[in-house]
Amino acid sequence: MSFAQVLQTYMDALGRSDYVTIAGLFAADGKVRSPFLGEMAAEPFFDRLAQASETNVITPIDIFLSESGAPNAVAYFRYDWTVRDGTLISFKVMDLFHFAPESDQIKYLDIVYDTYPIRASHGNKYESPM
């Protein structure tokens, strides 16, 4: 699969809340770096996302591929995320993908978005209320 196809598969699966497909795009030692959760192995990260999520609507904006030939790509999209308590959180995000050498498997995913508006209006939706 090309890097662009991997990113399209990722966004499609995220929109369907298909976290098994997403985890399958990662190398065995693949990691996610999230503004809310820090760095985690991919599978536990997507397990946490599944537990926190009710539905996802993904509106792709663009895919960017490295001009230097480096194994990097970026998916830019709008994420309309409905969490378990019914709250809708909408934001634009850039997911930066670094692929394993000579592979179409994701080694690192860096999730980049402004967390301040989300935290200020909605709190941390990965944590259960106490």
Protein backbone atom coordinates (compact mmCIF):
# COMPACT_ATOMS: atom_id res chain seq x y z
CA MET A 1 0.00 0.00 0.00
CA SER A 2 1.29 3.51 -0.70
CA PHE A 3 1.66 5.95 2.20
CA ALA A 4 -1.32 7.93 0.88
CA GLN A 5 -3.43 4.74 0.83
CA VAL A 6 -2.41 3.96 4.42
CA LEU A 7 -3.52 7.45 5.51
CA GLN A 8 -6.81 7.11 3.62
CA THR A 9 -7.40 3.71 5.23
CA TYR A 10 -6.60 5.23 8.63
CA MET A 11 -9.07 8.11 8.19
CA ASP A 12 -11.78 5.81 6.82
CA ALA A 13 -11.33 3.36 9.72
CA LEU A 14 -11.28 6.19 12.27
CA GLY A 15 -14.58 7.45 10.85
CA ARG A 16 -16.08 3.97 11.30
CA SER A 17 -14.57 3.59 14.80
CA ASP A 18 -12.75 0.53 13.43
CA TYR A 19 -9.85 0.51 15.86
CA VAL A 20 -8.80 -3.05 14.96
CA THR A 21 -8.09 -1.96 11.38
CA ILE A 22 -6.23 1.11 12.63
CA ALA A 23 -4.04 -0.94 15.01
CA GLY A 24 -3.26 -3.29 12.11
CA LEU A 25 -1.67 -0.41 10.18
CA PHE A 26 1.06 -0.12 12.82
CA ALA A 27 4.35 -1.98 13.12
CA ALA A 28 4.47 -4.35 16.11
CA ASP A 29 6.40 -1.71 18.08
CA GLY A 30 4.38 1.22 16.70
CA LYS A 31 3.68 4.14 19.00
CA VAL A 32 1.30 7.09 19.21
CA ARG A 33 2.19 10.45 20.69
CA SER A 34 -0.97 12.24 21.83
CA PRO A 35 -1.38 15.71 23.38
CA PHE A 36 -3.69 14.24 26.04
CA LEU A 37 -2.21 10.80 26.68
CA GLY A 38 1.49 11.23 25.91
CA GLU A 39 3.41 8.42 24.20
CA MET A 40 1.84 4.98 24.19
CA ALA A 41 2.02 1.76 22.20
CA ALA A 42 -0.52 1.96 19.36
CA GLU A 43 -2.87 -0.82 20.45
CA PRO A 44 -3.45 0.46 24.04
CA PHE A 45 -3.84 3.99 22.69
CA PHE A 46 -6.62 2.96 20.30
CA ASP A 47 -8.21 0.84 23.04
CA ARG A 48 -8.40 4.02 25.18
CA LEU A 49 -9.83 5.98 22.26
CA ALA A 50 -12.47 3.28 21.70
CA GLN A 51 -13.44 3.37 25.40
CA ALA A 52 -13.76 7.18 25.32
CA SER A 53 -15.64 7.40 22.00
CA GLU A 54 -19.27 7.08 20.98
CA THR A 55 -18.87 8.08 17.31
CA ASN A 56 -16.36 9.75 15.00
CA VAL A 57 -16.97 11.79 11.89
CA ILE A 58 -13.84 12.41 9.85
CA THR A 59 -13.80 15.05 7.13
CA PRO A 60 -10.53 14.73 5.18
CA ILE A 61 -8.91 18.01 4.20
CA ASP A 62 -5.63 16.86 2.65
CA ILE A 63 -2.79 14.36 2.66
CA PHE A 64 0.80 15.56 2.48
CA LEU A 65 3.71 13.34 1.41
CA SER A 66 7.41 14.02 1.98
CA GLU A 67 9.10 15.66 -1.01
CA SER A 68 12.50 14.41 0.15
CA GLY A 69 11.49 10.76 -0.09
CA ALA A 70 11.56 10.35 3.70
CA PRO A 71 9.08 7.80 5.07
CA ASN A 72 6.74 10.51 6.38
CA ALA A 73 3.23 11.66 5.56
CA VAL A 74 0.56 13.88 7.12
CA ALA A 75 -3.22 13.46 7.25
CA TYR A 76 -5.05 16.75 7.81
CA PHE A 77 -8.71 16.44 8.73
CA ARG A 78 -11.62 17.74 10.76
CA TYR A 79 -12.50 15.43 13.63
CA ASP A 80 -16.05 15.58 14.99
CA TRP A 81 -15.73 13.35 18.04
CA THR A 82 -18.72 12.37 20.14
CA VAL A 83 -17.50 11.03 23.46
CA ARG A 84 -19.30 8.53 25.71
CA ASP A 85 -21.17 11.22 27.68
CA GLY A 86 -22.68 12.54 24.42
CA THR A 87 -20.47 15.64 24.18
CA LEU A 88 -19.51 16.61 20.62
CA ILE A 89 -15.96 17.93 20.30
CA SER A 90 -14.91 19.32 16.91
CA PHE A 91 -11.39 20.28 15.90
CA LYS A 92 -8.92 20.19 13.04
CA VAL A 93 -5.99 17.84 13.47
CA MET A 94 -2.79 16.98 11.66
CA ASP A 95 -1.65 13.42 12.20
CA LEU A 96 2.05 13.06 11.37
CA PHE A 97 2.99 9.53 10.31
CA HIS A 98 6.52 8.12 10.28
CA PHE A 99 6.74 4.73 8.61
CA ALA A 100 9.04 1.85 9.50
CA PRO A 101 12.01 1.54 7.10
CA GLU A 102 11.18 -0.15 3.80
CA SER A 103 7.59 -0.65 4.95
CA ASP A 104 4.07 0.73 4.78
CA GLN A 105 3.60 0.07 8.51
CA ILE A 106 3.36 3.04 10.86
CA LYS A 107 6.25 3.33 13.33
CA TYR A 108 5.16 6.60 14.99
CA LEU A 109 2.02 8.69 14.83
CA ASP A 110 2.27 12.20 16.24
CA ILE A 111 -1.17 13.76 16.76
CA VAL A 112 -1.07 17.55 16.56
CA TYR A 113 -3.93 19.85 17.51
CA ASP A 114 -4.61 22.74 19.87
CA THR A 115 -5.86 21.16 23.11
CA TYR A 116 -6.57 24.39 24.97
CA PRO A 117 -10.07 25.05 23.56
CA ILE A 118 -11.05 21.41 24.14
CA ARG A 119 -9.75 21.28 27.71
CA ALA A 120 -11.24 24.68 28.55
CA SER A 121 -14.73 23.83 27.31
CA HIS A 122 -14.94 20.05 27.75
CA GLY A 123 -12.19 18.85 30.15
CA ASN A 124 -10.21 15.68 29.62
CA LYS A 125 -12.59 13.23 27.91
CA TYR A 126 -10.19 10.30 28.22
CA GLU A 127 -10.71 10.21 31.98
CA SER A 128 -13.82 8.82 33.63
CA PRO A 129 -15.69 11.25 35.92
CA MET A 130 -14.98 10.62 39.60
